[in-house]
Amino acid sequence: MTSRFGSKQKKLGVGTYGTVKLYKNNAGEKFAIKTAKNITDQLDTYNIIPDDIVVEIATLGRLKHPNVINLIDFFINYDGNQVSYNLVLPAGDYDLGMLIESGKTYDTWSIAHQIALGLNYMLNENVLSGDIKPHNIIVFENGGNHLIKLADFGISQIGFCCQKPHTKTAYTLWYRAPEILLGDQYDEKADAWAFGCILSELYYKRVLLRGK
């Protein structure tokens, strides 16, 4: 199935979710394929799809905005008793964390504005990111400018009234709002807190609240 998206170029990332690999076709189009794997004895049973994949598909199916990553395709591969679930996404040039760390020049206002547009759209769609941070913001080089897209919605939430932290990994520690650290209810202001941390990092080129 991956052959129609070209050949594998390199691995982009590895995490608890699985792996992300870069593919490129003959037309020069690039794709990021995010893969999660499960072991099962019932290969025709679809209720084994990992929760984060289900959440991400549901979220991406709901969100259509220039500053939010879009889902191109989804497919399942079977190999013996191993099943892999694959999300096909546009491949950017790097993530925002890499841009900040690179020392390259960038337009802080433009990037901040694009992140705000994406978050405001998500707010209007009743979606919490669940883990907004520089490494989950994809950068596409666009004629000397940077097009920004919010990504990685594996622990996002649709509907954000009075949420309790549904996972210990809700928001990465450095961008985690105080109410989540305390185990209290939280809402869309958690995304606003994380956005504020990212704004500081964009401007000063260092993490605002580095914790353990």
Protein backbone atom coordinates (compact mmCIF):
# COMPACT_ATOMS: atom_id res chain seq x y z
CA MET A 1 0.00 0.00 0.00
CA THR A 2 2.85 2.40 0.77
CA SER A 3 4.18 1.98 -2.79
CA ARG A 4 1.62 4.44 -4.16
CA PHE A 5 3.17 7.07 -1.90
CA GLY A 6 6.62 6.39 -3.34
CA SER A 7 9.68 4.96 -1.64
CA LYS A 8 10.82 5.30 1.95
CA GLN A 9 13.44 8.01 2.38
CA LYS A 10 14.17 8.06 6.10
CA LYS A 11 12.73 7.73 9.58
CA LEU A 12 11.40 11.04 10.92
CA GLY A 13 10.57 10.06 14.48
CA VAL A 14 9.92 7.29 16.99
CA GLY A 15 7.66 7.42 20.03
CA THR A 16 5.21 5.46 22.12
CA TYR A 17 2.76 5.80 19.20
CA GLY A 18 5.09 3.96 16.79
CA THR A 19 7.15 5.49 14.00
CA VAL A 20 6.91 8.25 11.39
CA LYS A 21 8.71 7.72 8.09
CA LEU A 22 9.23 9.99 5.10
CA TYR A 23 8.11 8.77 1.67
CA LYS A 24 8.61 10.49 -1.69
CA ASN A 25 6.98 9.63 -5.02
CA ASN A 26 8.23 10.15 -8.58
CA ALA A 27 6.43 13.49 -8.80
CA GLY A 28 8.49 14.78 -5.90
CA GLU A 29 5.56 14.79 -3.47
CA LYS A 30 6.52 14.01 0.12
CA PHE A 31 4.40 12.14 2.66
CA ALA A 32 4.83 11.40 6.34
CA ILE A 33 3.40 7.98 7.21
CA LYS A 34 2.68 7.51 10.92
CA THR A 35 2.53 3.82 11.84
CA ALA A 36 1.31 2.08 14.99
CA LYS A 37 1.47 -1.69 15.38
CA ASN A 38 -0.51 -4.28 17.30
CA ILE A 39 -0.16 -8.02 17.74
CA THR A 40 -3.39 -9.99 17.39
CA ASP A 41 -4.70 -13.47 16.62
CA GLN A 42 -7.87 -12.08 15.06
CA LEU A 43 -6.80 -10.24 11.96
CA ASP A 44 -10.34 -9.45 10.86
CA THR A 45 -11.21 -7.64 14.09
CA TYR A 46 -11.11 -3.86 13.76
CA ASN A 47 -11.78 -2.94 17.39
CA ILE A 48 -8.08 -3.41 18.10
CA ILE A 49 -7.11 -0.10 16.49
CA PRO A 50 -5.09 1.80 19.13
CA ASP A 51 -7.01 4.55 20.90
CA ASP A 52 -4.58 7.28 19.85
CA ILE A 53 -5.02 6.37 16.18
CA VAL A 54 -8.81 6.41 16.51
CA VAL A 55 -8.67 9.80 18.26
CA GLU A 56 -6.31 11.25 15.67
CA ILE A 57 -8.43 10.07 12.73
CA ALA A 58 -11.60 11.45 14.34
CA THR A 59 -9.92 14.78 15.08
CA LEU A 60 -8.32 15.20 11.66
CA GLY A 61 -11.59 14.26 10.01
CA ARG A 62 -13.18 17.17 11.85
CA LEU A 63 -10.50 19.81 11.28
CA LYS A 64 -10.01 21.53 7.91
CA HIS A 65 -7.78 24.59 8.17
CA PRO A 66 -4.60 25.86 6.46
CA ASN A 67 -2.75 25.87 9.79
CA VAL A 68 -3.79 22.36 10.86
CA ILE A 69 -2.28 19.23 9.31
CA ASN A 70 -4.67 17.28 7.08
CA LEU A 71 -5.17 13.52 6.81
CA ILE A 72 -4.47 12.31 3.26
CA ASP A 73 -5.24 8.63 3.76
CA PHE A 74 -5.46 5.78 6.28
CA PHE A 75 -4.74 2.11 5.63
CA ILE A 76 -4.14 -1.13 7.51
CA ASN A 77 -1.40 -3.66 6.72
CA TYR A 78 -1.36 -7.29 7.88
CA ASP A 79 1.84 -9.32 8.32
CA GLY A 80 1.26 -12.64 10.06
CA ASN A 81 -0.22 -11.80 13.44
CA GLN A 82 1.08 -8.23 13.32
CA VAL A 83 -1.23 -5.42 12.23
CA SER A 84 -0.02 -1.92 11.40
CA TYR A 85 -2.23 1.15 11.24
CA ASN A 86 -0.96 3.90 8.97
CA LEU A 87 -1.91 7.56 8.76
CA VAL A 88 -0.68 9.35 5.64
CA LEU A 89 0.02 13.05 6.24
CA PRO A 90 1.76 15.85 4.33
CA ALA A 91 5.47 15.91 5.10
CA GLY A 92 6.87 19.25 6.16
CA ASP A 93 10.48 20.33 6.00
CA TYR A 94 11.04 20.20 9.76
CA ASP A 95 9.22 20.94 12.99
CA LEU A 96 9.15 24.23 14.89
CA GLY A 97 11.44 22.92 17.62
CA MET A 98 14.07 22.12 15.01
CA LEU A 99 13.69 25.60 13.48
CA ILE A 100 14.14 27.31 16.86
CA GLU A 101 17.18 25.18 17.69
CA SER A 102 18.76 25.69 14.26
CA GLY A 103 19.59 29.34 14.81
CA LYS A 104 18.02 30.24 11.46
CA THR A 105 16.22 33.54 11.04
CA TYR A 106 12.43 33.40 11.14
CA ASP A 107 9.49 35.79 11.45
CA THR A 108 8.33 35.34 15.04
CA TRP A 109 5.14 37.31 14.50
CA SER A 110 4.12 35.35 11.40
CA ILE A 111 4.68 31.98 13.07
CA ALA A 112 2.88 33.06 16.26
CA HIS A 113 -0.02 34.40 14.21
CA GLN A 114 -0.39 31.14 12.30
CA ILE A 115 -0.35 29.08 15.49
CA ALA A 116 -3.01 31.39 16.93
CA LEU A 117 -5.17 31.00 13.82
CA GLY A 118 -4.96 27.23 14.06
CA LEU A 119 -5.75 27.19 17.78
CA ASN A 120 -8.63 29.63 17.38
CA TYR A 121 -10.12 27.43 14.67
CA MET A 122 -9.76 24.37 16.92
CA LEU A 123 -11.43 26.29 19.76
CA ASN A 124 -14.39 27.02 17.50
CA GLU A 125 -14.55 23.31 16.64
CA ASN A 126 -14.44 22.35 20.36
CA VAL A 127 -11.11 20.54 20.02
CA LEU A 128 -8.27 20.56 22.56
CA SER A 129 -4.86 19.74 21.12
CA GLY A 130 -3.80 17.64 24.11
CA ASP A 131 -0.10 18.12 23.36
CA ILE A 132 0.76 21.36 21.60
CA LYS A 133 4.51 22.02 21.65
CA PRO A 134 7.16 23.10 19.11
CA HIS A 135 7.99 19.54 18.03
CA ASN A 136 4.29 18.96 17.22
CA ILE A 137 4.11 21.99 14.95
CA ILE A 138 5.20 21.27 11.38
CA VAL A 139 7.01 23.85 9.27
CA PHE A 140 6.70 23.96 5.47
CA GLU A 141 9.12 26.22 3.61
CA ASN A 142 7.12 28.34 1.20
CA GLY A 143 9.11 30.67 -1.03
CA GLY A 144 11.26 31.99 1.79
CA ASN A 145 8.34 32.05 4.22
CA HIS A 146 7.27 29.47 6.77
CA LEU A 147 3.86 27.82 6.59
CA ILE A 148 2.87 26.46 9.99
CA LYS A 149 0.59 23.48 10.65
CA LEU A 150 -0.44 22.09 14.04
CA ALA A 151 -0.06 18.31 14.19
CA ASP A 152 -0.11 15.18 16.37
CA PHE A 153 -3.63 14.79 17.74
CA GLY A 154 -3.30 11.34 19.29
CA ILE A 155 -4.40 12.58 22.72
CA SER A 156 -6.60 15.45 21.58
CA GLN A 157 -10.13 15.82 22.91
CA ILE A 158 -13.32 16.82 21.14
CA GLY A 159 -15.34 18.83 23.66
CA PHE A 160 -13.44 20.51 26.45
CA CYS A 161 -15.84 21.36 29.25
CA CYS A 162 -14.56 20.33 32.68
CA GLN A 163 -12.09 17.69 31.49
CA LYS A 164 -10.04 15.65 33.93
CA PRO A 165 -6.55 14.67 32.74
CA HIS A 166 -7.32 11.47 30.84
CA THR A 167 -3.67 10.50 30.62
CA LYS A 168 -0.50 11.28 32.53
CA THR A 169 0.95 12.42 29.22
CA ALA A 170 -1.66 15.11 28.54
CA TYR A 171 0.54 17.95 27.33
CA THR A 172 4.32 17.63 27.55
CA LEU A 173 5.59 18.73 30.97
CA TRP A 174 7.26 21.96 29.84
CA TYR A 175 3.98 23.15 28.28
CA ARG A 176 1.57 21.69 30.84
CA ALA A 177 -0.82 24.11 32.55
CA PRO A 178 -0.83 24.27 36.40
CA GLU A 179 -4.34 22.84 36.69
CA ILE A 180 -3.24 19.69 34.84
CA LEU A 181 -0.16 19.34 37.04
CA LEU A 182 -2.50 19.46 40.04
CA GLY A 183 -4.87 16.89 38.53
CA ASP A 184 -7.73 19.40 38.40
CA GLN A 185 -10.32 19.95 35.70
CA TYR A 186 -9.10 21.85 32.67
CA ASP A 187 -10.45 23.35 29.48
CA GLU A 188 -9.33 25.35 26.45
CA LYS A 189 -7.14 27.55 28.66
CA ALA A 190 -4.66 24.64 28.78
CA ASP A 191 -3.97 25.23 25.09
CA ALA A 192 -3.64 28.96 25.77
CA TRP A 193 -1.04 28.26 28.48
CA ALA A 194 0.97 26.03 26.15
CA PHE A 195 0.73 28.67 23.41
CA GLY A 196 2.15 31.27 25.81
CA CYS A 197 5.10 28.99 26.57
CA ILE A 198 5.70 28.54 22.84
CA LEU A 199 5.58 32.32 22.23
CA SER A 200 8.31 32.82 24.82
CA GLU A 201 10.38 30.05 23.25
CA LEU A 202 9.98 31.58 19.80
CA TYR A 203 11.21 34.96 21.02
CA TYR A 204 13.99 33.96 23.44
CA LYS A 205 14.97 30.72 21.64
CA ARG A 206 14.94 28.74 24.87
CA VAL A 207 12.37 26.76 26.83
CA LEU A 208 10.47 28.97 29.29
CA LEU A 209 9.64 26.39 31.98
CA ARG A 210 12.11 23.54 31.77
CA GLY A 211 11.12 20.98 34.42
CA LYS A 212 11.60 17.35 35.35
